[in-house]
Amino acid sequence: MRALSPAKVGFCPGCGELSENPDTTPTLCGACRLSPRPWDALGFFGPYQGVLRDCVLGLKFRAHLGLLGLLGGLALHAYQAGLVRPDGFDPQGPDLVTAVPVHWGKLIFRGFNQSLELARLLAQAINRPLCPRVLRKHRRTQAQSRLGFGQRQANLKGAFTAESRLAEGKSVLVVDDVMTTGATLAEAARALRRAGARRVEVLVLARDLKRGG
């Protein structure tokens, strides 16, 4: 299905920013050279637009759980593509897989964490343990979609904690549905670093290309 084809253009392996030249190999952008992201590798399936965006929104806000099989397959494709990049995922695989957590209040309201369900499918596919308890969101925050870049960072600062007994010395793969500025994933990665994780990799279904959104 061409509408769900993966991104095949040059992009920054730090933040996923797409290059203006589609023939370039993945190269760090200026922003990531000046301020490296707190993760070791990033993978994503494609831009947050069209059919992919519709599928993500259908799962997240309309609980179309029948989309999980499709989206889980796209997440696996993105992971496998990241394995063959020199700057991509560790070929030996992570020690454990987890997801960006949601606050318990939102979990009660929505009924499920879509990122955790994607992480569950991916963990099964790559035969690695799922460990949802390694990360916890202990503070409720404003919806990131309503905030600008600086506000997103301030909104999430210190919102996550990680369990040292689970993270210390481990390579952790963190799964989320969409990445825009990367503020959420950055805070989650920093929490894992503080807890002693030796390597943090992040995988998202879609990269939102709106600058500063």
C-alpha atoms as a PDB file:
ATOM      1  CA  MET A   1       0.000   0.000   0.000  1.00  0.00           C
ATOM      2  CA  ARG A   2       1.803   3.078  -1.281  1.00  0.00           C
ATOM      3  CA  ALA A   3      -0.045   5.363   1.132  1.00  0.00           C
ATOM      4  CA  LEU A   4       1.826   3.635   3.963  1.00  0.00           C
ATOM      5  CA  SER A   5       5.268   3.479   2.395  1.00  0.00           C
ATOM      6  CA  PRO A   6       8.217   4.213   4.711  1.00  0.00           C
ATOM      7  CA  ALA A   7      10.266   7.374   4.454  1.00  0.00           C
ATOM      8  CA  LYS A   8      13.134   6.835   1.997  1.00  0.00           C
ATOM      9  CA  VAL A   9      14.690  10.289   1.966  1.00  0.00           C
ATOM     10  CA  GLY A  10      17.715  11.600   3.780  1.00  0.00           C
ATOM     11  CA  PHE A  11      17.093  12.530   7.398  1.00  0.00           C
ATOM     12  CA  CYS A  12      18.883  13.458  10.588  1.00  0.00           C
ATOM     13  CA  PRO A  13      19.500  10.294  12.655  1.00  0.00           C
ATOM     14  CA  GLY A  14      19.390  12.415  15.812  1.00  0.00           C
ATOM     15  CA  CYS A  15      15.969  14.029  15.495  1.00  0.00           C
ATOM     16  CA  GLY A  16      14.461  12.639  12.286  1.00  0.00           C
ATOM     17  CA  GLU A  17      14.351  16.011  10.500  1.00  0.00           C
ATOM     18  CA  LEU A  18      14.009  15.289   6.786  1.00  0.00           C
ATOM     19  CA  SER A  19      16.671  16.572   4.417  1.00  0.00           C
ATOM     20  CA  GLU A  20      15.900  18.832   1.469  1.00  0.00           C
ATOM     21  CA  ASN A  21      17.997  16.463  -0.659  1.00  0.00           C
ATOM     22  CA  PRO A  22      16.273  13.070  -0.862  1.00  0.00           C
ATOM     23  CA  ASP A  23      19.460  11.347  -2.036  1.00  0.00           C
ATOM     24  CA  THR A  24      21.628  12.151   0.976  1.00  0.00           C
ATOM     25  CA  THR A  25      22.570   9.531   3.539  1.00  0.00           C
ATOM     26  CA  PRO A  26      21.324  10.114   7.111  1.00  0.00           C
ATOM     27  CA  THR A  27      23.400  13.023   8.462  1.00  0.00           C
ATOM     28  CA  LEU A  28      23.153  14.928  11.734  1.00  0.00           C
ATOM     29  CA  CYS A  29      21.477  18.309  11.362  1.00  0.00           C
ATOM     30  CA  GLY A  30      23.015  21.496  12.750  1.00  0.00           C
ATOM     31  CA  ALA A  31      20.776  21.516  15.816  1.00  0.00           C
ATOM     32  CA  CYS A  32      21.750  17.957  16.791  1.00  0.00           C
ATOM     33  CA  ARG A  33      25.442  18.709  16.251  1.00  0.00           C
ATOM     34  CA  LEU A  34      25.194  21.648  18.660  1.00  0.00           C
ATOM     35  CA  SER A  35      22.966  19.887  21.173  1.00  0.00           C
ATOM     36  CA  PRO A  36      22.992  16.078  20.824  1.00  0.00           C
ATOM     37  CA  ARG A  37      19.801  14.256  21.739  1.00  0.00           C
ATOM     38  CA  PRO A  38      19.883  12.150  24.942  1.00  0.00           C
ATOM     39  CA  TRP A  39      19.378   8.897  23.061  1.00  0.00           C
ATOM     40  CA  ASP A  40      21.768   6.665  21.129  1.00  0.00           C
ATOM     41  CA  ALA A  41      19.572   5.846  18.131  1.00  0.00           C
ATOM     42  CA  LEU A  42      16.261   6.914  16.609  1.00  0.00           C
ATOM     43  CA  GLY A  43      13.970   5.075  14.221  1.00  0.00           C
ATOM     44  CA  PHE A  44      10.635   5.997  12.680  1.00  0.00           C
ATOM     45  CA  PHE A  45       8.418   4.658   9.914  1.00  0.00           C
ATOM     46  CA  GLY A  46       7.400   7.819   8.098  1.00  0.00           C
ATOM     47  CA  PRO A  47       6.106  11.398   8.240  1.00  0.00           C
ATOM     48  CA  TYR A  48       3.046  12.132  10.370  1.00  0.00           C
ATOM     49  CA  GLN A  49       0.685  12.796   7.507  1.00  0.00           C
ATOM     50  CA  GLY A  50      -1.923  11.182   5.278  1.00  0.00           C
ATOM     51  CA  VAL A  51      -3.025   7.623   6.001  1.00  0.00           C
ATOM     52  CA  LEU A  52      -0.396   7.081   8.698  1.00  0.00           C
ATOM     53  CA  ARG A  53      -1.644  10.118  10.635  1.00  0.00           C
ATOM     54  CA  ASP A  54      -5.256   8.948  10.250  1.00  0.00           C
ATOM     55  CA  CYS A  55      -4.346   5.505  11.596  1.00  0.00           C
ATOM     56  CA  VAL A  56      -2.453   6.902  14.590  1.00  0.00           C
ATOM     57  CA  LEU A  57      -5.328   9.243  15.467  1.00  0.00           C
ATOM     58  CA  GLY A  58      -7.864   6.462  15.015  1.00  0.00           C
ATOM     59  CA  LEU A  59      -6.034   4.281  17.514  1.00  0.00           C
ATOM     60  CA  LYS A  60      -5.186   7.014  19.997  1.00  0.00           C
ATOM     61  CA  PHE A  61      -8.421   8.977  20.212  1.00  0.00           C
ATOM     62  CA  ARG A  62     -11.095   6.676  18.800  1.00  0.00           C
ATOM     63  CA  ALA A  63      -9.828   3.381  20.256  1.00  0.00           C
ATOM     64  CA  HIS A  64      -9.797   1.623  16.888  1.00  0.00           C
ATOM     65  CA  LEU A  65      -7.880  -1.308  18.331  1.00  0.00           C
ATOM     66  CA  GLY A  66      -8.204  -3.196  15.059  1.00  0.00           C
ATOM     67  CA  LEU A  67      -5.435  -0.923  13.757  1.00  0.00           C
ATOM     68  CA  LEU A  68      -2.917  -2.318  16.237  1.00  0.00           C
ATOM     69  CA  GLY A  69      -1.857  -5.192  13.989  1.00  0.00           C
ATOM     70  CA  LEU A  70      -1.146  -2.847  11.083  1.00  0.00           C
ATOM     71  CA  LEU A  71       0.649  -0.232  13.179  1.00  0.00           C
ATOM     72  CA  GLY A  72       2.606  -2.886  15.051  1.00  0.00           C
ATOM     73  CA  GLY A  73       3.834  -4.173  11.688  1.00  0.00           C
ATOM     74  CA  LEU A  74       4.945  -0.668  10.707  1.00  0.00           C
ATOM     75  CA  ALA A  75       6.810  -0.318  14.003  1.00  0.00           C
ATOM     76  CA  LEU A  76       8.617  -3.601  13.312  1.00  0.00           C
ATOM     77  CA  HIS A  77       9.508  -2.397   9.810  1.00  0.00           C
ATOM     78  CA  ALA A  78      10.964   0.804  11.275  1.00  0.00           C
ATOM     79  CA  TYR A  79      12.974  -1.197  13.801  1.00  0.00           C
ATOM     80  CA  GLN A  80      14.382  -3.531  11.166  1.00  0.00           C
ATOM     81  CA  ALA A  81      15.317  -0.566   8.955  1.00  0.00           C
ATOM     82  CA  GLY A  82      17.171   0.972  11.895  1.00  0.00           C
ATOM     83  CA  LEU A  83      19.197  -2.199  12.405  1.00  0.00           C
ATOM     84  CA  VAL A  84      20.969  -1.843   9.057  1.00  0.00           C
ATOM     85  CA  ARG A  85      22.052   1.777   9.566  1.00  0.00           C
ATOM     86  CA  PRO A  86      25.578   2.304  10.950  1.00  0.00           C
ATOM     87  CA  ASP A  87      24.176   4.885  13.381  1.00  0.00           C
ATOM     88  CA  GLY A  88      21.005   2.904  14.037  1.00  0.00           C
ATOM     89  CA  PHE A  89      19.849   0.322  16.537  1.00  0.00           C
ATOM     90  CA  ASP A  90      22.228  -2.102  18.220  1.00  0.00           C
ATOM     91  CA  PRO A  91      22.209  -5.342  16.135  1.00  0.00           C
ATOM     92  CA  GLN A  92      22.305  -7.332  19.376  1.00  0.00           C
ATOM     93  CA  GLY A  93      18.945  -5.859  20.319  1.00  0.00           C
ATOM     94  CA  PRO A  94      17.814  -4.132  23.503  1.00  0.00           C
ATOM     95  CA  ASP A  95      17.754  -5.764  26.907  1.00  0.00           C
ATOM     96  CA  LEU A  96      14.178  -4.594  27.344  1.00  0.00           C
ATOM     97  CA  VAL A  97      11.411  -2.709  25.559  1.00  0.00           C
ATOM     98  CA  THR A  98       9.189  -0.085  27.147  1.00  0.00           C
ATOM     99  CA  ALA A  99       6.855   2.745  26.142  1.00  0.00           C
ATOM    100  CA  VAL A 100       6.481   6.396  26.989  1.00  0.00           C
ATOM    101  CA  PRO A 101       4.096   6.192  29.954  1.00  0.00           C
ATOM    102  CA  VAL A 102       0.964   8.245  30.482  1.00  0.00           C
ATOM    103  CA  HIS A 103      -0.249   9.631  33.788  1.00  0.00           C
ATOM    104  CA  TRP A 104      -2.707   7.366  35.600  1.00  0.00           C
ATOM    105  CA  GLY A 105      -5.453   9.986  35.254  1.00  0.00           C
ATOM    106  CA  LYS A 106      -5.205   9.965  31.458  1.00  0.00           C
ATOM    107  CA  LEU A 107      -4.957   6.182  31.459  1.00  0.00           C
ATOM    108  CA  ILE A 108      -8.247   5.916  33.330  1.00  0.00           C
ATOM    109  CA  PHE A 109      -9.894   8.390  30.937  1.00  0.00           C
ATOM    110  CA  ARG A 110      -8.599   6.789  27.718  1.00  0.00           C
ATOM    111  CA  GLY A 111      -8.586   3.191  28.921  1.00  0.00           C
ATOM    112  CA  PHE A 112      -5.257   2.209  27.365  1.00  0.00           C
ATOM    113  CA  ASN A 113      -1.827   3.523  26.433  1.00  0.00           C
ATOM    114  CA  GLN A 114      -1.465   3.162  22.665  1.00  0.00           C
ATOM    115  CA  SER A 115       2.324   3.402  22.854  1.00  0.00           C
ATOM    116  CA  LEU A 116       2.457   0.534  25.341  1.00  0.00           C
ATOM    117  CA  GLU A 117       0.318  -1.632  23.075  1.00  0.00           C
ATOM    118  CA  LEU A 118       2.700  -0.928  20.177  1.00  0.00           C
ATOM    119  CA  ALA A 119       5.679  -1.690  22.436  1.00  0.00           C
ATOM    120  CA  ARG A 120       4.043  -4.972  23.442  1.00  0.00           C
ATOM    121  CA  LEU A 121       3.700  -6.076  19.824  1.00  0.00           C
ATOM    122  CA  LEU A 122       7.245  -5.009  18.973  1.00  0.00           C
ATOM    123  CA  ALA A 123       8.710  -6.777  22.002  1.00  0.00           C
ATOM    124  CA  GLN A 124       6.967  -9.986  20.958  1.00  0.00           C
ATOM    125  CA  ALA A 125       8.180  -9.628  17.369  1.00  0.00           C
ATOM    126  CA  ILE A 126      11.846  -9.153  18.309  1.00  0.00           C
ATOM    127  CA  ASN A 127      11.689 -11.609  21.231  1.00  0.00           C
ATOM    128  CA  ARG A 128      12.687  -9.127  23.919  1.00  0.00           C
ATOM    129  CA  PRO A 129      11.031  -8.612  27.333  1.00  0.00           C
ATOM    130  CA  LEU A 130       8.454  -5.856  27.717  1.00  0.00           C
ATOM    131  CA  CYS A 131       9.046  -3.809  30.865  1.00  0.00           C
ATOM    132  CA  PRO A 132       6.395  -1.092  31.301  1.00  0.00           C
ATOM    133  CA  ARG A 133       7.416  -0.430  34.923  1.00  0.00           C
ATOM    134  CA  VAL A 134      10.905   0.823  34.091  1.00  0.00           C
ATOM    135  CA  LEU A 135       9.421   4.276  33.304  1.00  0.00           C
ATOM    136  CA  ARG A 136       6.695   6.114  35.200  1.00  0.00           C
ATOM    137  CA  LYS A 137       5.008   9.466  34.645  1.00  0.00           C
ATOM    138  CA  HIS A 138       4.418  10.762  38.160  1.00  0.00           C
ATOM    139  CA  ARG A 139       3.166  14.252  37.294  1.00  0.00           C
ATOM    140  CA  ARG A 140       0.233  15.177  35.093  1.00  0.00           C
ATOM    141  CA  THR A 141       1.134  17.656  32.344  1.00  0.00           C
ATOM    142  CA  GLN A 142      -0.650  19.815  29.802  1.00  0.00           C
ATOM    143  CA  ALA A 143      -1.309  18.375  26.343  1.00  0.00           C
ATOM    144  CA  GLN A 144       1.897  18.852  24.355  1.00  0.00           C
ATOM    145  CA  SER A 145      -0.014  19.608  21.140  1.00  0.00           C
ATOM    146  CA  ARG A 146      -1.140  22.953  22.591  1.00  0.00           C
ATOM    147  CA  LEU A 147       2.353  24.168  23.444  1.00  0.00           C
ATOM    148  CA  GLY A 148       5.360  25.606  21.615  1.00  0.00           C
ATOM    149  CA  PHE A 149       8.870  24.161  21.718  1.00  0.00           C
ATOM    150  CA  GLY A 150      10.102  25.929  24.862  1.00  0.00           C
ATOM    151  CA  GLN A 151       6.802  25.371  26.646  1.00  0.00           C
ATOM    152  CA  ARG A 152       6.921  21.663  25.844  1.00  0.00           C
ATOM    153  CA  GLN A 153      10.307  21.311  27.487  1.00  0.00           C
ATOM    154  CA  ALA A 154       9.218  23.173  30.619  1.00  0.00           C
ATOM    155  CA  ASN A 155       5.932  21.275  30.750  1.00  0.00           C
ATOM    156  CA  LEU A 156       7.681  17.893  30.879  1.00  0.00           C
ATOM    157  CA  LYS A 157      10.743  18.719  32.954  1.00  0.00           C
ATOM    158  CA  GLY A 158      11.008  16.143  35.735  1.00  0.00           C
ATOM    159  CA  ALA A 159       7.709  14.474  34.802  1.00  0.00           C
ATOM    160  CA  PHE A 160       9.258  11.005  34.395  1.00  0.00           C
ATOM    161  CA  THR A 161      11.123   8.735  36.770  1.00  0.00           C
ATOM    162  CA  ALA A 162      12.848   5.444  35.997  1.00  0.00           C
ATOM    163  CA  GLU A 163      13.461   2.399  38.189  1.00  0.00           C
ATOM    164  CA  SER A 164      17.202   1.947  38.740  1.00  0.00           C
ATOM    165  CA  ARG A 165      16.764  -1.727  39.662  1.00  0.00           C
ATOM    166  CA  LEU A 166      15.299  -2.332  36.198  1.00  0.00           C
ATOM    167  CA  ALA A 167      17.297   0.139  34.085  1.00  0.00           C
ATOM    168  CA  GLU A 168      20.811   0.052  35.497  1.00  0.00           C
ATOM    169  CA  GLY A 169      23.316  -1.328  33.004  1.00  0.00           C
ATOM    170  CA  LYS A 170      20.571  -2.108  30.467  1.00  0.00           C
ATOM    171  CA  SER A 171      19.976  -1.149  26.855  1.00  0.00           C
ATOM    172  CA  VAL A 172      16.406   0.166  26.688  1.00  0.00           C
ATOM    173  CA  LEU A 173      14.233   0.653  23.606  1.00  0.00           C
ATOM    174  CA  VAL A 174      11.500   3.272  24.202  1.00  0.00           C
ATOM    175  CA  VAL A 175       8.445   3.218  21.918  1.00  0.00           C
ATOM    176  CA  ASP A 176       6.051   6.103  21.227  1.00  0.00           C
ATOM    177  CA  ASP A 177       3.495   6.828  18.527  1.00  0.00           C
ATOM    178  CA  VAL A 178       4.491  10.317  17.290  1.00  0.00           C
ATOM    179  CA  MET A 179       7.509  12.560  17.730  1.00  0.00           C
ATOM    180  CA  THR A 180       7.259  16.302  17.084  1.00  0.00           C
ATOM    181  CA  THR A 181       9.935  18.276  18.934  1.00  0.00           C
ATOM    182  CA  GLY A 182      11.187  15.228  20.819  1.00  0.00           C
ATOM    183  CA  ALA A 183      10.655  16.864  24.228  1.00  0.00           C
ATOM    184  CA  THR A 184       8.692  13.907  25.624  1.00  0.00           C
ATOM    185  CA  LEU A 185      11.178  11.303  24.465  1.00  0.00           C
ATOM    186  CA  ALA A 186      14.091  13.430  25.656  1.00  0.00           C
ATOM    187  CA  GLU A 187      12.714  13.619  29.196  1.00  0.00           C
ATOM    188  CA  ALA A 188      12.033   9.885  29.208  1.00  0.00           C
ATOM    189  CA  ALA A 189      15.559   9.186  27.962  1.00  0.00           C
ATOM    190  CA  ARG A 190      17.102  11.462  30.598  1.00  0.00           C
ATOM    191  CA  ALA A 191      15.172   9.661  33.324  1.00  0.00           C
ATOM    192  CA  LEU A 192      16.555   6.333  32.087  1.00  0.00           C
ATOM    193  CA  ARG A 193      20.063   7.779  31.965  1.00  0.00           C
ATOM    194  CA  ARG A 194      19.744   8.986  35.563  1.00  0.00           C
ATOM    195  CA  ALA A 195      18.640   5.479  36.515  1.00  0.00           C
ATOM    196  CA  GLY A 196      21.824   4.030  35.021  1.00  0.00           C
ATOM    197  CA  ALA A 197      20.731   2.779  31.596  1.00  0.00           C
ATOM    198  CA  ARG A 198      23.852   2.185  29.486  1.00  0.00           C
ATOM    199  CA  ARG A 199      22.038   2.742  26.180  1.00  0.00           C
ATOM    200  CA  VAL A 200      18.713   4.335  25.208  1.00  0.00           C
ATOM    201  CA  GLU A 201      17.116   3.881  21.798  1.00  0.00           C
ATOM    202  CA  VAL A 202      13.811   5.397  20.686  1.00  0.00           C
ATOM    203  CA  LEU A 203      11.343   4.206  18.063  1.00  0.00           C
ATOM    204  CA  VAL A 204       8.269   6.076  16.888  1.00  0.00           C
ATOM    205  CA  LEU A 205       5.724   5.339  14.199  1.00  0.00           C
ATOM    206  CA  ALA A 206       5.644   8.855  12.805  1.00  0.00           C
ATOM    207  CA  ARG A 207       7.792  11.986  12.743  1.00  0.00           C
ATOM    208  CA  ASP A 208       5.728  15.180  12.785  1.00  0.00           C
ATOM    209  CA  LEU A 209       7.539  17.600  10.483  1.00  0.00           C
ATOM    210  CA  LYS A 210       5.994  20.803  11.864  1.00  0.00           C
ATOM    211  CA  ARG A 211       8.875  22.905  13.134  1.00  0.00           C
ATOM    212  CA  GLY A 212       8.504  23.803  16.773  1.00  0.00           C
ATOM    213  CA  GLY A 213       5.061  22.270  16.986  1.00  0.00           C
END
